[in-house]
Amino acid sequence: MITGAVARHTIARERPAMVDDNRGGTEADFTGVEPVDLPGWALDAGNTLADEQNRDGALIQWTARGPYGADVERHDRITVFGDQFQIDGAVRRQPGPSATTSHTILLLKMWEG
C-alpha cells in the first residue's frame, strides 16, 4: 500500500451490472449502483487535451495509484473530486519488493463539453 502524505485521497468506485447488449456482447448498466469509498490513493494530474477536430470537448485525465489489492475492475466508474471518470484500458497491478512498494494503477479519463 502506498503510504505517507501522497496517499491521502479517497476515490469512489461504482461497479455496474454487465447486461446483454442484444448484439452478442455485454454493456455496463449503472442503474441503482451505490458508490463504495476506496481510501489510500495518490493522484497525479494527467493531460488535458482539447478536441481539435470538433472543438467542443476536452479530455481530462488522472493517474491514480493505490493499494495493490484494491477492488477495482476495468468497467468500474471512478469518482475523483466529484467528477466521474472511466478507467482507460486495464487495471494495472505493479508488484514491488515489499507491500509498501506494490500498488494498483488506474489511468482515468473523462470527456468534458
PDB file of N, CA and C in Angstrom:
ATOM      1  N   MET A   1       0.836  -1.171   0.000  1.00  0.00           N
ATOM      2  CA  MET A   1       0.000   0.000   0.000  1.00  0.00           C
ATOM      3  C   MET A   1       0.886   1.241   0.000  1.00  0.00           C
ATOM      4  N   ILE A   2       0.530   2.203  -0.806  1.00  0.00           N
ATOM      5  CA  ILE A   2       1.250   3.461  -0.828  1.00  0.00           C
ATOM      6  C   ILE A   2       0.965   4.166   0.494  1.00  0.00           C
ATOM      7  N   THR A   3       2.011   4.689   1.121  1.00  0.00           N
ATOM      8  CA  THR A   3       1.835   5.326   2.418  1.00  0.00           C
ATOM      9  C   THR A   3       2.318   6.763   2.372  1.00  0.00           C
ATOM     10  N   GLY A   4       2.110   7.483   3.438  1.00  0.00           N
ATOM     11  CA  GLY A   4       2.600   8.844   3.546  1.00  0.00           C
ATOM     12  C   GLY A   4       1.601   9.876   3.066  1.00  0.00           C
ATOM     13  N   ALA A   5       2.092  11.090   2.905  1.00  0.00           N
ATOM     14  CA  ALA A   5       1.236  12.228   2.587  1.00  0.00           C
ATOM     15  C   ALA A   5       0.584  12.124   1.217  1.00  0.00           C
ATOM     16  N   VAL A   6       1.202  11.395   0.275  1.00  0.00           N
ATOM     17  CA  VAL A   6       0.638  11.340  -1.074  1.00  0.00           C
ATOM     18  C   VAL A   6      -0.581  10.433  -1.167  1.00  0.00           C
ATOM     19  N   ALA A   7      -0.746   9.498  -0.247  1.00  0.00           N
ATOM     20  CA  ALA A   7      -1.839   8.524  -0.325  1.00  0.00           C
ATOM     21  C   ALA A   7      -3.021   8.950   0.534  1.00  0.00           C
ATOM     22  N   ARG A   8      -3.350  10.217   0.533  1.00  0.00           N
ATOM     23  CA  ARG A   8      -4.385  10.720   1.433  1.00  0.00           C
ATOM     24  C   ARG A   8      -5.750  10.846   0.787  1.00  0.00           C
ATOM     25  N   HIS A   9      -5.850  10.505  -0.473  1.00  0.00           N
ATOM     26  CA  HIS A   9      -7.103  10.709  -1.182  1.00  0.00           C
ATOM     27  C   HIS A   9      -7.991   9.467  -1.158  1.00  0.00           C
ATOM     28  N   THR A  10      -9.289   9.711  -1.111  1.00  0.00           N
ATOM     29  CA  THR A  10     -10.283   8.646  -1.214  1.00  0.00           C
ATOM     30  C   THR A  10     -11.007   8.825  -2.537  1.00  0.00           C
ATOM     31  N   ILE A  11     -11.073   7.753  -3.308  1.00  0.00           N
ATOM     32  CA  ILE A  11     -11.849   7.762  -4.541  1.00  0.00           C
ATOM     33  C   ILE A  11     -13.093   6.909  -4.298  1.00  0.00           C
ATOM     34  N   ALA A  12     -14.088   7.076  -5.147  1.00  0.00           N
ATOM     35  CA  ALA A  12     -15.299   6.263  -5.026  1.00  0.00           C
ATOM     36  C   ALA A  12     -15.430   5.397  -6.268  1.00  0.00           C
ATOM     37  N   ARG A  13     -15.805   4.138  -6.041  1.00  0.00           N
ATOM     38  CA  ARG A  13     -15.961   3.181  -7.139  1.00  0.00           C
ATOM     39  C   ARG A  13     -17.422   2.809  -7.295  1.00  0.00           C
ATOM     40  N   GLU A  14     -17.895   2.782  -8.526  1.00  0.00           N
ATOM     41  CA  GLU A  14     -19.230   2.272  -8.826  1.00  0.00           C
ATOM     42  C   GLU A  14     -19.051   1.098  -9.786  1.00  0.00           C
ATOM     43  N   ARG A  15     -19.571  -0.066  -9.397  1.00  0.00           N
ATOM     44  CA  ARG A  15     -19.441  -1.267 -10.217  1.00  0.00           C
ATOM     45  C   ARG A  15     -20.761  -1.557 -10.913  1.00  0.00           C
ATOM     46  N   PRO A  16     -20.770  -1.584 -12.243  1.00  0.00           N
ATOM     47  CA  PRO A  16     -22.013  -1.822 -12.980  1.00  0.00           C
ATOM     48  C   PRO A  16     -22.355  -3.301 -13.072  1.00  0.00           C
ATOM     49  N   ALA A  17     -23.610  -3.571 -13.344  1.00  0.00           N
ATOM     50  CA  ALA A  17     -24.003  -4.921 -13.761  1.00  0.00           C
ATOM     51  C   ALA A  17     -23.690  -4.991 -15.258  1.00  0.00           C
ATOM     52  N   MET A  18     -23.166  -6.100 -15.711  1.00  0.00           N
ATOM     53  CA  MET A  18     -22.892  -6.274 -17.134  1.00  0.00           C
ATOM     54  C   MET A  18     -24.097  -6.999 -17.730  1.00  0.00           C
ATOM     55  N   VAL A  19     -24.771  -6.340 -18.666  1.00  0.00           N
ATOM     56  CA  VAL A  19     -26.016  -6.868 -19.233  1.00  0.00           C
ATOM     57  C   VAL A  19     -25.864  -7.105 -20.732  1.00  0.00           C
ATOM     58  N   ASP A  20     -26.698  -7.971 -21.256  1.00  0.00           N
ATOM     59  CA  ASP A  20     -26.706  -8.295 -22.679  1.00  0.00           C
ATOM     60  C   ASP A  20     -27.009  -7.040 -23.493  1.00  0.00           C
ATOM     61  N   ASP A  21     -26.208  -6.795 -24.528  1.00  0.00           N
ATOM     62  CA  ASP A  21     -26.434  -5.615 -25.360  1.00  0.00           C
ATOM     63  C   ASP A  21     -27.241  -5.925 -26.626  1.00  0.00           C
ATOM     64  N   ASN A  22     -27.774  -7.140 -26.716  1.00  0.00           N
ATOM     65  CA  ASN A  22     -28.576  -7.600 -27.856  1.00  0.00           C
ATOM     66  C   ASN A  22     -27.801  -7.624 -29.167  1.00  0.00           C
ATOM     67  N   ARG A  23     -26.468  -7.650 -29.074  1.00  0.00           N
ATOM     68  CA  ARG A  23     -25.617  -7.758 -30.260  1.00  0.00           C
ATOM     69  C   ARG A  23     -24.536  -8.807 -30.054  1.00  0.00           C
ATOM     70  N   GLY A  24     -24.757  -9.671 -29.072  1.00  0.00           N
ATOM     71  CA  GLY A  24     -23.783 -10.727 -28.805  1.00  0.00           C
ATOM     72  C   GLY A  24     -22.729 -10.362 -27.784  1.00  0.00           C
ATOM     73  N   GLY A  25     -22.844  -9.201 -27.173  1.00  0.00           N
ATOM     74  CA  GLY A  25     -21.877  -8.768 -26.171  1.00  0.00           C
ATOM     75  C   GLY A  25     -22.570  -8.312 -24.907  1.00  0.00           C
ATOM     76  N   THR A  26     -21.820  -7.604 -24.090  1.00  0.00           N
ATOM     77  CA  THR A  26     -22.368  -7.047 -22.865  1.00  0.00           C
ATOM     78  C   THR A  26     -22.037  -5.564 -22.789  1.00  0.00           C
ATOM     79  N   GLU A  27     -22.811  -4.853 -21.965  1.00  0.00           N
ATOM     80  CA  GLU A  27     -22.544  -3.446 -21.720  1.00  0.00           C
ATOM     81  C   GLU A  27     -22.782  -3.146 -20.254  1.00  0.00           C
ATOM     82  N   ALA A  28     -22.164  -2.080 -19.783  1.00  0.00           N
ATOM     83  CA  ALA A  28     -22.284  -1.702 -18.375  1.00  0.00           C
ATOM     84  C   ALA A  28     -23.612  -1.016 -18.112  1.00  0.00           C
ATOM     85  N   ASP A  29     -24.287  -1.444 -17.021  1.00  0.00           N
ATOM     86  CA  ASP A  29     -25.534  -0.826 -16.589  1.00  0.00           C
ATOM     87  C   ASP A  29     -25.319  -0.326 -15.163  1.00  0.00           C
ATOM     88  N   PHE A  30     -25.315   0.993 -14.994  1.00  0.00           N
ATOM     89  CA  PHE A  30     -25.070   1.603 -13.687  1.00  0.00           C
ATOM     90  C   PHE A  30     -26.346   1.915 -12.918  1.00  0.00           C
ATOM     91  N   THR A  31     -27.492   1.415 -13.375  1.00  0.00           N
ATOM     92  CA  THR A  31     -28.770   1.668 -12.719  1.00  0.00           C
ATOM     93  C   THR A  31     -28.733   1.164 -11.275  1.00  0.00           C
ATOM     94  N   GLY A  32     -29.023   2.064 -10.328  1.00  0.00           N
ATOM     95  CA  GLY A  32     -29.114   1.693  -8.916  1.00  0.00           C
ATOM     96  C   GLY A  32     -27.795   1.376  -8.233  1.00  0.00           C
ATOM     97  N   VAL A  33     -26.679   1.664  -8.869  1.00  0.00           N
ATOM     98  CA  VAL A  33     -25.369   1.346  -8.296  1.00  0.00           C
ATOM     99  C   VAL A  33     -25.019   2.361  -7.208  1.00  0.00           C
ATOM    100  N   GLU A  34     -24.544   1.870  -6.079  1.00  0.00           N
ATOM    101  CA  GLU A  34     -24.129   2.728  -4.968  1.00  0.00           C
ATOM    102  C   GLU A  34     -22.604   2.823  -4.945  1.00  0.00           C
ATOM    103  N   PRO A  35     -22.061   4.021  -4.742  1.00  0.00           N
ATOM    104  CA  PRO A  35     -20.594   4.159  -4.689  1.00  0.00           C
ATOM    105  C   PRO A  35     -20.008   3.548  -3.423  1.00  0.00           C
ATOM    106  N   VAL A  36     -18.780   3.047  -3.562  1.00  0.00           N
ATOM    107  CA  VAL A  36     -18.019   2.486  -2.452  1.00  0.00           C
ATOM    108  C   VAL A  36     -16.738   3.306  -2.337  1.00  0.00           C
ATOM    109  N   ASP A  37     -16.459   3.847  -1.139  1.00  0.00           N
ATOM    110  CA  ASP A  37     -15.243   4.631  -0.930  1.00  0.00           C
ATOM    111  C   ASP A  37     -14.030   3.713  -0.841  1.00  0.00           C
ATOM    112  N   LEU A  38     -12.959   4.116  -1.529  1.00  0.00           N
ATOM    113  CA  LEU A  38     -11.689   3.397  -1.507  1.00  0.00           C
ATOM    114  C   LEU A  38     -10.598   4.374  -1.062  1.00  0.00           C
ATOM    115  N   PRO A  39     -10.127   4.293   0.191  1.00  0.00           N
ATOM    116  CA  PRO A  39      -9.108   5.221   0.677  1.00  0.00           C
ATOM    117  C   PRO A  39      -7.696   4.795   0.271  1.00  0.00           C
ATOM    118  N   GLY A  40      -6.760   5.730   0.412  1.00  0.00           N
ATOM    119  CA  GLY A  40      -5.349   5.415   0.255  1.00  0.00           C
ATOM    120  C   GLY A  40      -4.800   5.575  -1.147  1.00  0.00           C
ATOM    121  N   TRP A  41      -5.248   6.579  -1.883  1.00  0.00           N
ATOM    122  CA  TRP A  41      -4.813   6.772  -3.272  1.00  0.00           C
ATOM    123  C   TRP A  41      -3.970   8.032  -3.432  1.00  0.00           C
ATOM    124  N   ALA A  42      -2.934   7.904  -4.219  1.00  0.00           N
ATOM    125  CA  ALA A  42      -2.133   9.044  -4.665  1.00  0.00           C
ATOM    126  C   ALA A  42      -2.650   9.422  -6.044  1.00  0.00           C
ATOM    127  N   LEU A  43      -2.881  10.710  -6.276  1.00  0.00           N
ATOM    128  CA  LEU A  43      -3.441  11.173  -7.544  1.00  0.00           C
ATOM    129  C   LEU A  43      -2.460  12.110  -8.235  1.00  0.00           C
ATOM    130  N   ASP A  44      -2.223  11.840  -9.499  1.00  0.00           N
ATOM    131  CA  ASP A  44      -1.378  12.697 -10.324  1.00  0.00           C
ATOM    132  C   ASP A  44      -2.205  13.225 -11.484  1.00  0.00           C
ATOM    133  N   ALA A  45      -2.208  14.544 -11.662  1.00  0.00           N
ATOM    134  CA  ALA A  45      -2.934  15.133 -12.784  1.00  0.00           C
ATOM    135  C   ALA A  45      -2.295  14.678 -14.082  1.00  0.00           C
ATOM    136  N   GLY A  46      -3.155  14.315 -15.031  1.00  0.00           N
ATOM    137  CA  GLY A  46      -2.671  13.926 -16.346  1.00  0.00           C
ATOM    138  C   GLY A  46      -2.880  15.065 -17.326  1.00  0.00           C
ATOM    139  N   ASN A  47      -2.895  14.721 -18.573  1.00  0.00           N
ATOM    140  CA  ASN A  47      -3.090  15.723 -19.620  1.00  0.00           C
ATOM    141  C   ASN A  47      -4.526  16.205 -19.670  1.00  0.00           C
ATOM    142  N   THR A  48      -4.695  17.407 -20.174  1.00  0.00           N
ATOM    143  CA  THR A  48      -5.995  17.914 -20.571  1.00  0.00           C
ATOM    144  C   THR A  48      -5.850  18.259 -22.047  1.00  0.00           C
ATOM    145  N   LEU A  49      -6.575  17.541 -22.889  1.00  0.00           N
ATOM    146  CA  LEU A  49      -6.442  17.707 -24.328  1.00  0.00           C
ATOM    147  C   LEU A  49      -7.726  18.262 -24.922  1.00  0.00           C
ATOM    148  N   ALA A  50      -7.595  19.263 -25.744  1.00  0.00           N
ATOM    149  CA  ALA A  50      -8.759  19.800 -26.450  1.00  0.00           C
ATOM    150  C   ALA A  50      -9.052  18.938 -27.661  1.00  0.00           C
ATOM    151  N   ASP A  51     -10.315  18.814 -27.991  1.00  0.00           N
ATOM    152  CA  ASP A  51     -10.737  18.109 -29.211  1.00  0.00           C
ATOM    153  C   ASP A  51     -10.508  19.066 -30.372  1.00  0.00           C
ATOM    154  N   GLU A  52      -9.398  18.889 -31.071  1.00  0.00           N
ATOM    155  CA  GLU A  52      -9.021  19.814 -32.143  1.00  0.00           C
ATOM    156  C   GLU A  52      -9.938  19.711 -33.355  1.00  0.00           C
ATOM    157  N   GLN A  53     -10.522  18.559 -33.583  1.00  0.00           N
ATOM    158  CA  GLN A  53     -11.350  18.376 -34.767  1.00  0.00           C
ATOM    159  C   GLN A  53     -12.732  19.016 -34.601  1.00  0.00           C
ATOM    160  N   ASN A  54     -13.404  18.705 -33.503  1.00  0.00           N
ATOM    161  CA  ASN A  54     -14.757  19.214 -33.298  1.00  0.00           C
ATOM    162  C   ASN A  54     -14.809  20.481 -32.445  1.00  0.00           C
ATOM    163  N   ARG A  55     -13.752  20.738 -31.706  1.00  0.00           N
ATOM    164  CA  ARG A  55     -13.628  21.931 -30.866  1.00  0.00           C
ATOM    165  C   ARG A  55     -14.766  22.119 -29.866  1.00  0.00           C
ATOM    166  N   ASP A  56     -15.342  21.018 -29.419  1.00  0.00           N
ATOM    167  CA  ASP A  56     -16.426  21.148 -28.454  1.00  0.00           C
ATOM    168  C   ASP A  56     -16.236  20.247 -27.248  1.00  0.00           C
ATOM    169  N   GLY A  57     -15.027  19.808 -27.008  1.00  0.00           N
ATOM    170  CA  GLY A  57     -14.791  18.944 -25.873  1.00  0.00           C
ATOM    171  C   GLY A  57     -13.335  18.944 -25.454  1.00  0.00           C
ATOM    172  N   ALA A  58     -13.092  18.412 -24.277  1.00  0.00           N
ATOM    173  CA  ALA A  58     -11.741  18.276 -23.768  1.00  0.00           C
ATOM    174  C   ALA A  58     -11.640  16.967 -23.009  1.00  0.00           C
ATOM    175  N   LEU A  59     -10.499  16.324 -23.106  1.00  0.00           N
ATOM    176  CA  LEU A  59     -10.224  15.095 -22.380  1.00  0.00           C
ATOM    177  C   LEU A  59      -9.460  15.447 -21.111  1.00  0.00           C
ATOM    178  N   ILE A  60     -10.016  15.071 -19.957  1.00  0.00           N
ATOM    179  CA  ILE A  60      -9.386  15.315 -18.656  1.00  0.00           C
ATOM    180  C   ILE A  60      -8.885  13.967 -18.146  1.00  0.00           C
ATOM    181  N   GLN A  61      -7.642  13.913 -17.665  1.00  0.00           N
ATOM    182  CA  GLN A  61      -7.067  12.640 -17.239  1.00  0.00           C
ATOM    183  C   GLN A  61      -6.406  12.749 -15.872  1.00  0.00           C
ATOM    184  N   TRP A  62      -6.430  11.633 -15.144  1.00  0.00           N
ATOM    185  CA  TRP A  62      -5.721  11.459 -13.873  1.00  0.00           C
ATOM    186  C   TRP A  62      -5.022  10.101 -13.897  1.00  0.00           C
ATOM    187  N   THR A  63      -3.950   9.980 -13.134  1.00  0.00           N
ATOM    188  CA  THR A  63      -3.356   8.688 -12.818  1.00  0.00           C
ATOM    189  C   THR A  63      -3.536   8.492 -11.316  1.00  0.00           C
ATOM    190  N   ALA A  64      -4.149   7.372 -10.938  1.00  0.00           N
ATOM    191  CA  ALA A  64      -4.380   7.058  -9.524  1.00  0.00           C
ATOM    192  C   ALA A  64      -3.555   5.828  -9.160  1.00  0.00           C
ATOM    193  N   ARG A  65      -2.818   5.932  -8.057  1.00  0.00           N
ATOM    194  CA  ARG A  65      -2.026   4.810  -7.543  1.00  0.00           C
ATOM    195  C   ARG A  65      -2.518   4.495  -6.140  1.00  0.00           C
ATOM    196  N   GLY A  66      -2.923   3.234  -5.924  1.00  0.00           N
ATOM    197  CA  GLY A  66      -3.493   2.865  -4.636  1.00  0.00           C
ATOM    198  C   GLY A  66      -3.072   1.485  -4.196  1.00  0.00           C
ATOM    199  N   PRO A  67      -3.753   0.945  -3.202  1.00  0.00           N
ATOM    200  CA  PRO A  67      -3.400  -0.357  -2.644  1.00  0.00           C
ATOM    201  C   PRO A  67      -3.364  -1.457  -3.711  1.00  0.00           C
ATOM    202  N   TYR A  68      -2.406  -2.350  -3.591  1.00  0.00           N
ATOM    203  CA  TYR A  68      -2.206  -3.416  -4.573  1.00  0.00           C
ATOM    204  C   TYR A  68      -3.454  -4.281  -4.746  1.00  0.00           C
ATOM    205  N   GLY A  69      -4.130  -4.575  -3.675  1.00  0.00           N
ATOM    206  CA  GLY A  69      -5.313  -5.439  -3.740  1.00  0.00           C
ATOM    207  C   GLY A  69      -6.626  -4.683  -3.860  1.00  0.00           C
ATOM    208  N   ALA A  70      -6.588  -3.443  -4.304  1.00  0.00           N
ATOM    209  CA  ALA A  70      -7.809  -2.629  -4.399  1.00  0.00           C
ATOM    210  C   ALA A  70      -8.856  -3.329  -5.265  1.00  0.00           C
ATOM    211  N   ASP A  71     -10.105  -3.274  -4.817  1.00  0.00           N
ATOM    212  CA  ASP A  71     -11.208  -3.923  -5.529  1.00  0.00           C
ATOM    213  C   ASP A  71     -11.715  -2.993  -6.636  1.00  0.00           C
ATOM    214  N   VAL A  72     -10.999  -2.982  -7.749  1.00  0.00           N
ATOM    215  CA  VAL A  72     -11.376  -2.195  -8.920  1.00  0.00           C
ATOM    216  C   VAL A  72     -11.279  -3.083 -10.157  1.00  0.00           C
ATOM    217  N   GLU A  73     -12.188  -2.857 -11.090  1.00  0.00           N
ATOM    218  CA  GLU A  73     -12.215  -3.612 -12.344  1.00  0.00           C
ATOM    219  C   GLU A  73     -12.367  -2.650 -13.509  1.00  0.00           C
ATOM    220  N   ARG A  74     -12.031  -3.092 -14.671  1.00  0.00           N
ATOM    221  CA  ARG A  74     -11.982  -2.271 -15.878  1.00  0.00           C
ATOM    222  C   ARG A  74     -13.271  -1.506 -16.190  1.00  0.00           C
ATOM    223  N   HIS A  75     -14.429  -2.053 -15.900  1.00  0.00           N
ATOM    224  CA  HIS A  75     -15.691  -1.385 -16.239  1.00  0.00           C
ATOM    225  C   HIS A  75     -16.216  -0.471 -15.135  1.00  0.00           C
ATOM    226  N   ASP A  76     -15.523  -0.418 -14.006  1.00  0.00           N
ATOM    227  CA  ASP A  76     -15.962   0.433 -12.900  1.00  0.00           C
ATOM    228  C   ASP A  76     -15.902   1.904 -13.292  1.00  0.00           C
ATOM    229  N   ARG A  77     -16.744   2.688 -12.659  1.00  0.00           N
ATOM    230  CA  ARG A  77     -16.713   4.146 -12.810  1.00  0.00           C
ATOM    231  C   ARG A  77     -16.087   4.687 -11.530  1.00  0.00           C
ATOM    232  N   ILE A  78     -15.154   5.627 -11.665  1.00  0.00           N
ATOM    233  CA  ILE A  78     -14.405   6.155 -10.527  1.00  0.00           C
ATOM    234  C   ILE A  78     -14.704   7.639 -10.367  1.00  0.00           C
ATOM    235  N   THR A  79     -14.998   8.061  -9.135  1.00  0.00           N
ATOM    236  CA  THR A  79     -15.237   9.473  -8.858  1.00  0.00           C
ATOM    237  C   THR A  79     -14.020  10.051  -8.142  1.00  0.00           C
ATOM    238  N   VAL A  80     -13.490  11.133  -8.718  1.00  0.00           N
ATOM    239  CA  VAL A  80     -12.347  11.856  -8.157  1.00  0.00           C
ATOM    240  C   VAL A  80     -12.757  13.316  -8.013  1.00  0.00           C
ATOM    241  N   PHE A  81     -12.708  13.842  -6.800  1.00  0.00           N
ATOM    242  CA  PHE A  81     -13.059  15.240  -6.531  1.00  0.00           C
ATOM    243  C   PHE A  81     -14.412  15.616  -7.122  1.00  0.00           C
ATOM    244  N   GLY A  82     -15.373  14.698  -7.049  1.00  0.00           N
ATOM    245  CA  GLY A  82     -16.731  14.967  -7.502  1.00  0.00           C
ATOM    246  C   GLY A  82     -16.998  14.737  -8.982  1.00  0.00           C
ATOM    247  N   ASP A  83     -15.985  14.420  -9.761  1.00  0.00           N
ATOM    248  CA  ASP A  83     -16.154  14.157 -11.190  1.00  0.00           C
ATOM    249  C   ASP A  83     -16.022  12.664 -11.469  1.00  0.00           C
ATOM    250  N   GLN A  84     -16.872  12.147 -12.380  1.00  0.00           N
ATOM    251  CA  GLN A  84     -16.846  10.722 -12.707  1.00  0.00           C
ATOM    252  C   GLN A  84     -15.934  10.457 -13.901  1.00  0.00           C
ATOM    253  N   PHE A  85     -15.107   9.432 -13.751  1.00  0.00           N
ATOM    254  CA  PHE A  85     -14.138   9.056 -14.769  1.00  0.00           C
ATOM    255  C   PHE A  85     -14.307   7.595 -15.157  1.00  0.00           C
ATOM    256  N   GLN A  86     -13.860   7.259 -16.349  1.00  0.00           N
ATOM    257  CA  GLN A  86     -13.767   5.871 -16.802  1.00  0.00           C
ATOM    258  C   GLN A  86     -12.329   5.419 -16.625  1.00  0.00           C
ATOM    259  N   ILE A  87     -12.147   4.124 -16.383  1.00  0.00           N
ATOM    260  CA  ILE A  87     -10.804   3.556 -16.370  1.00  0.00           C
ATOM    261  C   ILE A  87     -10.404   3.343 -17.824  1.00  0.00           C
ATOM    262  N   ASP A  88      -9.281   3.924 -18.200  1.00  0.00           N
ATOM    263  CA  ASP A  88      -8.787   3.845 -19.574  1.00  0.00           C
ATOM    264  C   ASP A  88      -7.903   2.608 -19.702  1.00  0.00           C
ATOM    265  N   GLY A  89      -8.410   1.573 -20.371  1.00  0.00           N
ATOM    266  CA  GLY A  89      -7.664   0.325 -20.509  1.00  0.00           C
ATOM    267  C   GLY A  89      -7.860  -0.574 -19.311  1.00  0.00           C
ATOM    268  N   ALA A  90      -6.879  -1.383 -19.036  1.00  0.00           N
ATOM    269  CA  ALA A  90      -6.961  -2.374 -17.960  1.00  0.00           C
ATOM    270  C   ALA A  90      -6.524  -1.783 -16.625  1.00  0.00           C
ATOM    271  N   VAL A  91      -6.976  -2.418 -15.548  1.00  0.00           N
ATOM    272  CA  VAL A  91      -6.450  -2.119 -14.217  1.00  0.00           C
ATOM    273  C   VAL A  91      -5.060  -2.737 -14.169  1.00  0.00           C
ATOM    274  N   ARG A  92      -4.094  -1.958 -13.767  1.00  0.00           N
ATOM    275  CA  ARG A  92      -2.711  -2.448 -13.743  1.00  0.00           C
ATOM    276  C   ARG A  92      -2.274  -2.676 -12.302  1.00  0.00           C
ATOM    277  N   ARG A  93      -1.607  -3.802 -12.058  1.00  0.00           N
ATOM    278  CA  ARG A  93      -1.073  -4.124 -10.726  1.00  0.00           C
ATOM    279  C   ARG A  93       0.445  -4.095 -10.832  1.00  0.00           C
ATOM    280  N   GLN A  94       1.073  -3.220 -10.061  1.00  0.00           N
ATOM    281  CA  GLN A  94       2.528  -3.065 -10.093  1.00  0.00           C
ATOM    282  C   GLN A  94       3.131  -3.722  -8.865  1.00  0.00           C
ATOM    283  N   PRO A  95       3.699  -4.930  -9.023  1.00  0.00           N
ATOM    284  CA  PRO A  95       4.323  -5.563  -7.862  1.00  0.00           C
ATOM    285  C   PRO A  95       5.653  -4.883  -7.544  1.00  0.00           C
ATOM    286  N   GLY A  96       5.982  -4.867  -6.275  1.00  0.00           N
ATOM    287  CA  GLY A  96       7.251  -4.318  -5.831  1.00  0.00           C
ATOM    288  C   GLY A  96       7.916  -5.282  -4.867  1.00  0.00           C
ATOM    289  N   PRO A  97       9.083  -4.935  -4.377  1.00  0.00           N
ATOM    290  CA  PRO A  97       9.792  -5.832  -3.462  1.00  0.00           C
ATOM    291  C   PRO A  97       9.145  -5.951  -2.087  1.00  0.00           C
ATOM    292  N   SER A  98       8.206  -5.056  -1.777  1.00  0.00           N
ATOM    293  CA  SER A  98       7.522  -5.134  -0.491  1.00  0.00           C
ATOM    294  C   SER A  98       6.083  -4.650  -0.655  1.00  0.00           C
ATOM    295  N   ALA A  99       5.278  -4.854   0.383  1.00  0.00           N
ATOM    296  CA  ALA A  99       3.885  -4.418   0.335  1.00  0.00           C
ATOM    297  C   ALA A  99       3.774  -2.905   0.202  1.00  0.00           C
ATOM    298  N   THR A 100       4.734  -2.168   0.737  1.00  0.00           N
ATOM    299  CA  THR A 100       4.663  -0.706   0.662  1.00  0.00           C
ATOM    300  C   THR A 100       5.051  -0.160  -0.709  1.00  0.00           C
ATOM    301  N   THR A 101       5.652  -0.976  -1.558  1.00  0.00           N
ATOM    302  CA  THR A 101       6.027  -0.500  -2.903  1.00  0.00           C
ATOM    303  C   THR A 101       5.193  -1.149  -4.002  1.00  0.00           C
ATOM    304  N   SER A 102       4.251  -1.998  -3.640  1.00  0.00           N
ATOM    305  CA  SER A 102       3.349  -2.622  -4.608  1.00  0.00           C
ATOM    306  C   SER A 102       2.063  -1.808  -4.661  1.00  0.00           C
ATOM    307  N   HIS A 103       1.521  -1.601  -5.856  1.00  0.00           N
ATOM    308  CA  HIS A 103       0.322  -0.790  -5.946  1.00  0.00           C
ATOM    309  C   HIS A 103      -0.486  -1.083  -7.203  1.00  0.00           C
ATOM    310  N   THR A 104      -1.722  -0.585  -7.208  1.00  0.00           N
ATOM    311  CA  THR A 104      -2.620  -0.649  -8.352  1.00  0.00           C
ATOM    312  C   THR A 104      -2.554   0.695  -9.062  1.00  0.00           C
ATOM    313  N   ILE A 105      -2.541   0.665 -10.389  1.00  0.00           N
ATOM    314  CA  ILE A 105      -2.501   1.896 -11.171  1.00  0.00           C
ATOM    315  C   ILE A 105      -3.750   1.966 -12.038  1.00  0.00           C
ATOM    316  N   LEU A 106      -4.452   3.105 -11.945  1.00  0.00           N
ATOM    317  CA  LEU A 106      -5.614   3.362 -12.787  1.00  0.00           C
ATOM    318  C   LEU A 106      -5.338   4.594 -13.626  1.00  0.00           C
ATOM    319  N   LEU A 107      -5.512   4.468 -14.930  1.00  0.00           N
ATOM    320  CA  LEU A 107      -5.481   5.630 -15.807  1.00  0.00           C
ATOM    321  C   LEU A 107      -6.929   6.029 -16.017  1.00  0.00           C
ATOM    322  N   LEU A 108      -7.277   7.243 -15.625  1.00  0.00           N
ATOM    323  CA  LEU A 108      -8.661   7.694 -15.616  1.00  0.00           C
ATOM    324  C   LEU A 108      -8.874   8.761 -16.689  1.00  0.00           C
ATOM    325  N   LYS A 109     -10.037   8.720 -17.350  1.00  0.00           N
ATOM    326  CA  LYS A 109     -10.330   9.733 -18.372  1.00  0.00           C
ATOM    327  C   LYS A 109     -11.777  10.160 -18.287  1.00  0.00           C
ATOM    328  N   MET A 110     -12.009  11.412 -18.704  1.00  0.00           N
ATOM    329  CA  MET A 110     -13.364  11.973 -18.754  1.00  0.00           C
ATOM    330  C   MET A 110     -13.389  12.988 -19.887  1.00  0.00           C
ATOM    331  N   TRP A 111     -14.407  12.883 -20.731  1.00  0.00           N
ATOM    332  CA  TRP A 111     -14.626  13.894 -21.770  1.00  0.00           C
ATOM    333  C   TRP A 111     -15.558  14.943 -21.212  1.00  0.00           C
ATOM    334  N   GLU A 112     -15.183  16.191 -21.377  1.00  0.00           N
ATOM    335  CA  GLU A 112     -15.969  17.318 -20.883  1.00  0.00           C
ATOM    336  C   GLU A 112     -16.349  18.214 -22.053  1.00  0.00           C
ATOM    337  N   GLY A 113     -17.595  18.626 -22.082  1.00  0.00           N
ATOM    338  CA  GLY A 113     -18.022  19.545 -23.141  1.00  0.00           C
ATOM    339  C   GLY A 113     -18.743  18.871 -24.264  1.00  0.00           C
TER     340      GLY A 113
END
